[in-house]
Amino acid sequence: MAEKRTFWAEDRTLLANERTFAGWLRTGMASLAVAIGLRAVFGAFDPTWVAKLVATIFIALAIVVFWVARREACRTLGRMERHTARPLDSSRITFLANGLSVGAVAVGVVLWLL
């Protein structure tokens, strides 16, 4: 009975890992949507390099999110095989929060300059 519960707990953890991975991917796709949306909002913005720079911030963050998601999902699978667990490093969370904050501020600045 206990062995069966352990199996179910591992199964739930694997499913949670997949949901978390999907959440990371949604975040990356949202960053891409912001970058694409900037083209519509800032179509006639001058200088054009500012709008392109802001869009590039979100594109770069999307790429970072995709690769961090992949790495963390693979690490979780590895920990499941070894039966060890470790939380996500707070520096990664801080990096993404800072990057998205800088991108959001940049969007705000460009919007105010329109």
N, C-alpha and C. Protein backbone atom coordinates (compact mmCIF):
# COMPACT_ATOMS: atom_id res chain seq x y z
N MET A 1 0.82 -1.19 0.00
CA MET A 1 0.00 0.00 0.00
C MET A 1 0.87 1.26 0.00
N ALA A 2 1.88 1.30 0.87
CA ALA A 2 2.75 2.49 0.92
C ALA A 2 3.52 2.66 -0.38
N GLU A 3 3.91 1.55 -0.98
CA GLU A 3 4.63 1.61 -2.25
C GLU A 3 3.74 2.20 -3.35
N LYS A 4 2.48 1.85 -3.31
CA LYS A 4 1.53 2.36 -4.30
C LYS A 4 1.34 3.88 -4.12
N ARG A 5 1.25 4.32 -2.86
CA ARG A 5 1.11 5.76 -2.59
C ARG A 5 2.34 6.52 -3.05
N THR A 6 3.51 5.95 -2.85
CA THR A 6 4.75 6.59 -3.32
C THR A 6 4.73 6.71 -4.83
N PHE A 7 4.30 5.68 -5.50
CA PHE A 7 4.20 5.72 -6.96
C PHE A 7 3.25 6.83 -7.40
N TRP A 8 2.10 6.93 -6.73
CA TRP A 8 1.13 7.97 -7.08
C TRP A 8 1.70 9.36 -6.80
N ALA A 9 2.44 9.51 -5.72
CA ALA A 9 3.04 10.82 -5.41
C ALA A 9 4.04 11.20 -6.49
N GLU A 10 4.84 10.26 -6.92
CA GLU A 10 5.80 10.55 -8.00
C GLU A 10 5.07 10.88 -9.29
N ASP A 11 3.97 10.19 -9.54
CA ASP A 11 3.18 10.47 -10.74
C ASP A 11 2.62 11.90 -10.68
N ARG A 12 2.11 12.30 -9.54
CA ARG A 12 1.59 13.67 -9.39
C ARG A 12 2.71 14.69 -9.55
N THR A 13 3.88 14.38 -9.05
CA THR A 13 5.01 15.30 -9.20
C THR A 13 5.41 15.44 -10.66
N LEU A 14 5.42 14.34 -11.39
CA LEU A 14 5.73 14.41 -12.82
C LEU A 14 4.69 15.24 -13.56
N LEU A 15 3.43 15.06 -13.23
CA LEU A 15 2.38 15.85 -13.87
C LEU A 15 2.51 17.33 -13.50
N ALA A 16 2.86 17.60 -12.25
CA ALA A 16 3.08 19.00 -11.84
C ALA A 16 4.25 19.60 -12.59
N ASN A 17 5.29 18.81 -12.81
CA ASN A 17 6.44 19.28 -13.58
C ASN A 17 6.02 19.65 -15.00
N GLU A 18 5.17 18.83 -15.60
CA GLU A 18 4.70 19.12 -16.95
C GLU A 18 3.84 20.39 -16.97
N ARG A 19 3.01 20.57 -15.96
CA ARG A 19 2.20 21.80 -15.89
C ARG A 19 3.08 23.02 -15.68
N THR A 20 4.11 22.88 -14.86
CA THR A 20 5.03 23.99 -14.64
C THR A 20 5.76 24.34 -15.92
N PHE A 21 6.22 23.32 -16.64
CA PHE A 21 6.90 23.54 -17.91
C PHE A 21 5.97 24.28 -18.88
N ALA A 22 4.72 23.84 -18.95
CA ALA A 22 3.75 24.51 -19.83
C ALA A 22 3.55 25.97 -19.39
N GLY A 23 3.54 26.21 -18.10
CA GLY A 23 3.41 27.58 -17.59
C GLY A 23 4.58 28.45 -18.01
N TRP A 24 5.78 27.91 -17.94
CA TRP A 24 6.96 28.65 -18.39
C TRP A 24 6.84 28.97 -19.88
N LEU A 25 6.40 27.99 -20.65
CA LEU A 25 6.26 28.22 -22.09
C LEU A 25 5.21 29.28 -22.38
N ARG A 26 4.11 29.28 -21.62
CA ARG A 26 3.10 30.34 -21.79
C ARG A 26 3.69 31.70 -21.49
N THR A 27 4.52 31.78 -20.47
CA THR A 27 5.17 33.05 -20.14
C THR A 27 6.06 33.51 -21.28
N GLY A 28 6.82 32.59 -21.85
CA GLY A 28 7.67 32.94 -22.99
C GLY A 28 6.86 33.39 -24.19
N MET A 29 5.76 32.69 -24.45
CA MET A 29 4.90 33.07 -25.57
C MET A 29 4.26 34.43 -25.33
N ALA A 30 3.91 34.73 -24.09
CA ALA A 30 3.36 36.06 -23.77
C ALA A 30 4.39 37.14 -24.04
N SER A 31 5.65 36.87 -23.72
CA SER A 31 6.71 37.84 -24.02
C SER A 31 6.85 38.06 -25.52
N LEU A 32 6.72 36.98 -26.28
CA LEU A 32 6.76 37.13 -27.74
C LEU A 32 5.56 37.93 -28.24
N ALA A 33 4.40 37.71 -27.65
CA ALA A 33 3.20 38.45 -28.05
C ALA A 33 3.37 39.94 -27.77
N VAL A 34 4.01 40.27 -26.65
CA VAL A 34 4.28 41.68 -26.35
C VAL A 34 5.20 42.26 -27.42
N ALA A 35 6.23 41.52 -27.78
CA ALA A 35 7.17 42.01 -28.80
C ALA A 35 6.46 42.24 -30.14
N ILE A 36 5.59 41.31 -30.52
CA ILE A 36 4.85 41.46 -31.77
C ILE A 36 3.86 42.62 -31.66
N GLY A 37 3.19 42.73 -30.52
CA GLY A 37 2.24 43.82 -30.31
C GLY A 37 2.89 45.19 -30.35
N LEU A 38 4.15 45.25 -29.97
CA LEU A 38 4.86 46.53 -30.01
C LEU A 38 4.92 47.08 -31.43
N ARG A 39 4.99 46.20 -32.40
CA ARG A 39 5.02 46.65 -33.80
C ARG A 39 3.73 47.39 -34.14
N ALA A 40 2.60 46.86 -33.69
CA ALA A 40 1.32 47.50 -33.96
C ALA A 40 1.19 48.83 -33.22
N VAL A 41 1.63 48.85 -31.98
CA VAL A 41 1.50 50.06 -31.16
C VAL A 41 2.50 51.13 -31.59
N PHE A 42 3.73 50.70 -31.87
CA PHE A 42 4.79 51.66 -32.15
C PHE A 42 5.10 51.76 -33.64
N GLY A 43 4.14 51.46 -34.49
CA GLY A 43 4.37 51.44 -35.93
C GLY A 43 5.09 52.66 -36.47
N ALA A 44 4.65 53.85 -36.08
CA ALA A 44 5.23 55.09 -36.62
C ALA A 44 6.12 55.79 -35.60
N PHE A 45 6.64 55.03 -34.65
CA PHE A 45 7.45 55.64 -33.59
C PHE A 45 8.80 56.07 -34.14
N ASP A 46 9.25 57.24 -33.70
CA ASP A 46 10.55 57.75 -34.13
C ASP A 46 11.36 58.13 -32.90
N PRO A 47 12.53 57.68 -32.67
CA PRO A 47 13.35 56.84 -33.55
C PRO A 47 12.92 55.38 -33.47
N THR A 48 12.98 54.71 -34.59
CA THR A 48 12.51 53.32 -34.67
C THR A 48 13.36 52.37 -33.83
N TRP A 49 14.62 52.70 -33.61
CA TRP A 49 15.50 51.79 -32.87
C TRP A 49 15.03 51.62 -31.43
N VAL A 50 14.36 52.63 -30.86
CA VAL A 50 13.90 52.51 -29.47
C VAL A 50 12.83 51.42 -29.37
N ALA A 51 11.84 51.48 -30.26
CA ALA A 51 10.79 50.47 -30.26
C ALA A 51 11.36 49.08 -30.55
N LYS A 52 12.31 49.02 -31.47
CA LYS A 52 12.94 47.73 -31.79
C LYS A 52 13.73 47.19 -30.60
N LEU A 53 14.38 48.08 -29.87
CA LEU A 53 15.13 47.66 -28.69
C LEU A 53 14.19 47.10 -27.62
N VAL A 54 13.08 47.79 -27.38
CA VAL A 54 12.11 47.31 -26.40
C VAL A 54 11.56 45.95 -26.82
N ALA A 55 11.22 45.79 -28.09
CA ALA A 55 10.72 44.50 -28.59
C ALA A 55 11.78 43.42 -28.44
N THR A 56 13.03 43.77 -28.69
CA THR A 56 14.12 42.81 -28.58
C THR A 56 14.29 42.33 -27.14
N ILE A 57 14.06 43.21 -26.17
CA ILE A 57 14.12 42.81 -24.76
C ILE A 57 13.15 41.66 -24.51
N PHE A 58 11.92 41.81 -25.00
CA PHE A 58 10.92 40.77 -24.77
C PHE A 58 11.22 39.50 -25.57
N ILE A 59 11.77 39.63 -26.74
CA ILE A 59 12.16 38.45 -27.52
C ILE A 59 13.28 37.69 -26.80
N ALA A 60 14.27 38.42 -26.32
CA ALA A 60 15.38 37.79 -25.58
C ALA A 60 14.87 37.11 -24.32
N LEU A 61 13.97 37.77 -23.60
CA LEU A 61 13.43 37.16 -22.39
C LEU A 61 12.62 35.90 -22.72
N ALA A 62 11.91 35.92 -23.83
CA ALA A 62 11.16 34.72 -24.23
C ALA A 62 12.11 33.55 -24.47
N ILE A 63 13.21 33.81 -25.13
CA ILE A 63 14.20 32.76 -25.40
C ILE A 63 14.79 32.24 -24.09
N VAL A 64 15.11 33.15 -23.17
CA VAL A 64 15.63 32.75 -21.86
C VAL A 64 14.61 31.88 -21.14
N VAL A 65 13.35 32.30 -21.15
CA VAL A 65 12.30 31.54 -20.47
C VAL A 65 12.17 30.14 -21.07
N PHE A 66 12.21 30.02 -22.39
CA PHE A 66 12.10 28.71 -23.02
C PHE A 66 13.23 27.78 -22.57
N TRP A 67 14.45 28.28 -22.53
CA TRP A 67 15.59 27.43 -22.18
C TRP A 67 15.67 27.15 -20.69
N VAL A 68 15.28 28.11 -19.86
CA VAL A 68 15.22 27.85 -18.42
C VAL A 68 14.15 26.80 -18.15
N ALA A 69 13.02 26.91 -18.84
CA ALA A 69 11.95 25.93 -18.67
C ALA A 69 12.43 24.53 -19.02
N ARG A 70 13.13 24.41 -20.13
CA ARG A 70 13.65 23.11 -20.54
C ARG A 70 14.62 22.56 -19.51
N ARG A 71 15.56 23.41 -19.08
CA ARG A 71 16.56 22.96 -18.12
C ARG A 71 15.91 22.52 -16.81
N GLU A 72 14.99 23.32 -16.29
CA GLU A 72 14.37 22.99 -15.01
C GLU A 72 13.50 21.74 -15.11
N ALA A 73 12.81 21.57 -16.23
CA ALA A 73 12.00 20.36 -16.41
C ALA A 73 12.89 19.12 -16.45
N CYS A 74 14.01 19.22 -17.15
CA CYS A 74 14.95 18.09 -17.21
C CYS A 74 15.57 17.82 -15.85
N ARG A 75 15.89 18.87 -15.11
CA ARG A 75 16.44 18.67 -13.76
C ARG A 75 15.43 17.98 -12.85
N THR A 76 14.18 18.39 -12.96
CA THR A 76 13.15 17.76 -12.13
C THR A 76 13.02 16.28 -12.47
N LEU A 77 13.04 15.96 -13.75
CA LEU A 77 12.98 14.55 -14.15
C LEU A 77 14.17 13.77 -13.59
N GLY A 78 15.34 14.38 -13.62
CA GLY A 78 16.53 13.73 -13.06
C GLY A 78 16.41 13.51 -11.57
N ARG A 79 15.87 14.51 -10.86
CA ARG A 79 15.69 14.37 -9.42
C ARG A 79 14.66 13.29 -9.10
N MET A 80 13.66 13.16 -9.97
CA MET A 80 12.67 12.11 -9.75
C MET A 80 13.32 10.73 -9.86
N GLU A 81 14.23 10.58 -10.79
CA GLU A 81 14.91 9.30 -10.95
C GLU A 81 15.80 8.99 -9.75
N ARG A 82 16.41 10.04 -9.17
CA ARG A 82 17.31 9.85 -8.03
C ARG A 82 16.58 9.97 -6.69
N HIS A 83 15.32 10.35 -6.72
CA HIS A 83 14.50 10.55 -5.52
C HIS A 83 15.08 11.64 -4.63
N THR A 84 15.54 12.72 -5.23
CA THR A 84 15.99 13.89 -4.48
C THR A 84 15.21 15.10 -4.98
N ALA A 85 15.04 16.07 -4.15
CA ALA A 85 14.29 17.28 -4.53
C ALA A 85 15.06 18.52 -4.12
N ARG A 86 14.92 19.56 -4.92
CA ARG A 86 15.60 20.82 -4.63
C ARG A 86 14.75 21.95 -5.21
N PRO A 87 14.54 23.02 -4.48
CA PRO A 87 13.73 24.12 -5.02
C PRO A 87 14.50 24.91 -6.08
N LEU A 88 13.75 25.67 -6.86
CA LEU A 88 14.34 26.53 -7.88
C LEU A 88 15.19 27.61 -7.21
N ASP A 89 16.36 27.86 -7.76
CA ASP A 89 17.27 28.87 -7.23
C ASP A 89 16.63 30.25 -7.36
N SER A 90 16.63 31.02 -6.28
CA SER A 90 15.98 32.33 -6.29
C SER A 90 16.65 33.31 -7.24
N SER A 91 17.91 33.11 -7.58
CA SER A 91 18.57 34.03 -8.51
C SER A 91 17.95 33.94 -9.90
N ARG A 92 17.48 32.78 -10.29
CA ARG A 92 16.82 32.64 -11.59
C ARG A 92 15.47 33.36 -11.60
N ILE A 93 14.75 33.23 -10.51
CA ILE A 93 13.47 33.93 -10.40
C ILE A 93 13.70 35.43 -10.43
N THR A 94 14.71 35.89 -9.70
CA THR A 94 15.04 37.32 -9.67
C THR A 94 15.46 37.82 -11.04
N PHE A 95 16.26 37.04 -11.76
CA PHE A 95 16.69 37.44 -13.10
C PHE A 95 15.50 37.66 -14.02
N LEU A 96 14.58 36.70 -14.05
CA LEU A 96 13.41 36.83 -14.92
C LEU A 96 12.52 37.99 -14.49
N ALA A 97 12.32 38.15 -13.19
CA ALA A 97 11.49 39.27 -12.71
C ALA A 97 12.13 40.60 -13.07
N ASN A 98 13.44 40.71 -12.91
CA ASN A 98 14.13 41.95 -13.27
C ASN A 98 14.06 42.21 -14.77
N GLY A 99 14.29 41.20 -15.57
CA GLY A 99 14.24 41.37 -17.02
C GLY A 99 12.87 41.80 -17.51
N LEU A 100 11.83 41.15 -17.00
CA LEU A 100 10.48 41.53 -17.40
C LEU A 100 10.12 42.92 -16.88
N SER A 101 10.63 43.29 -15.72
CA SER A 101 10.38 44.64 -15.19
C SER A 101 11.04 45.70 -16.06
N VAL A 102 12.28 45.45 -16.47
CA VAL A 102 12.97 46.40 -17.35
C VAL A 102 12.22 46.54 -18.67
N GLY A 103 11.77 45.42 -19.22
CA GLY A 103 10.99 45.47 -20.45
C GLY A 103 9.70 46.24 -20.28
N ALA A 104 9.02 46.04 -19.16
CA ALA A 104 7.77 46.74 -18.91
C ALA A 104 8.00 48.24 -18.76
N VAL A 105 9.05 48.63 -18.06
CA VAL A 105 9.38 50.05 -17.92
C VAL A 105 9.70 50.65 -19.29
N ALA A 106 10.45 49.91 -20.10
CA ALA A 106 10.79 50.41 -21.44
C ALA A 106 9.54 50.61 -22.28
N VAL A 107 8.59 49.68 -22.19
CA VAL A 107 7.32 49.85 -22.92
C VAL A 107 6.60 51.10 -22.42
N GLY A 108 6.57 51.28 -21.12
CA GLY A 108 5.92 52.47 -20.57
C GLY A 108 6.55 53.76 -21.05
N VAL A 109 7.87 53.79 -21.08
CA VAL A 109 8.58 54.99 -21.55
C VAL A 109 8.23 55.28 -23.00
N VAL A 110 8.27 54.25 -23.84
CA VAL A 110 7.97 54.46 -25.25
C VAL A 110 6.51 54.89 -25.43
N LEU A 111 5.60 54.30 -24.67
CA LEU A 111 4.20 54.71 -24.76
C LEU A 111 4.02 56.19 -24.40
N TRP A 112 4.73 56.64 -23.38
CA TRP A 112 4.63 58.04 -22.97
C TRP A 112 5.25 58.97 -24.01
N LEU A 113 6.21 58.47 -24.76
CA LEU A 113 6.85 59.31 -25.78
C LEU A 113 6.06 59.37 -27.08
N LEU A 114 5.03 58.55 -27.23
CA LEU A 114 4.22 58.57 -28.46
C LEU A 114 3.41 59.85 -28.54
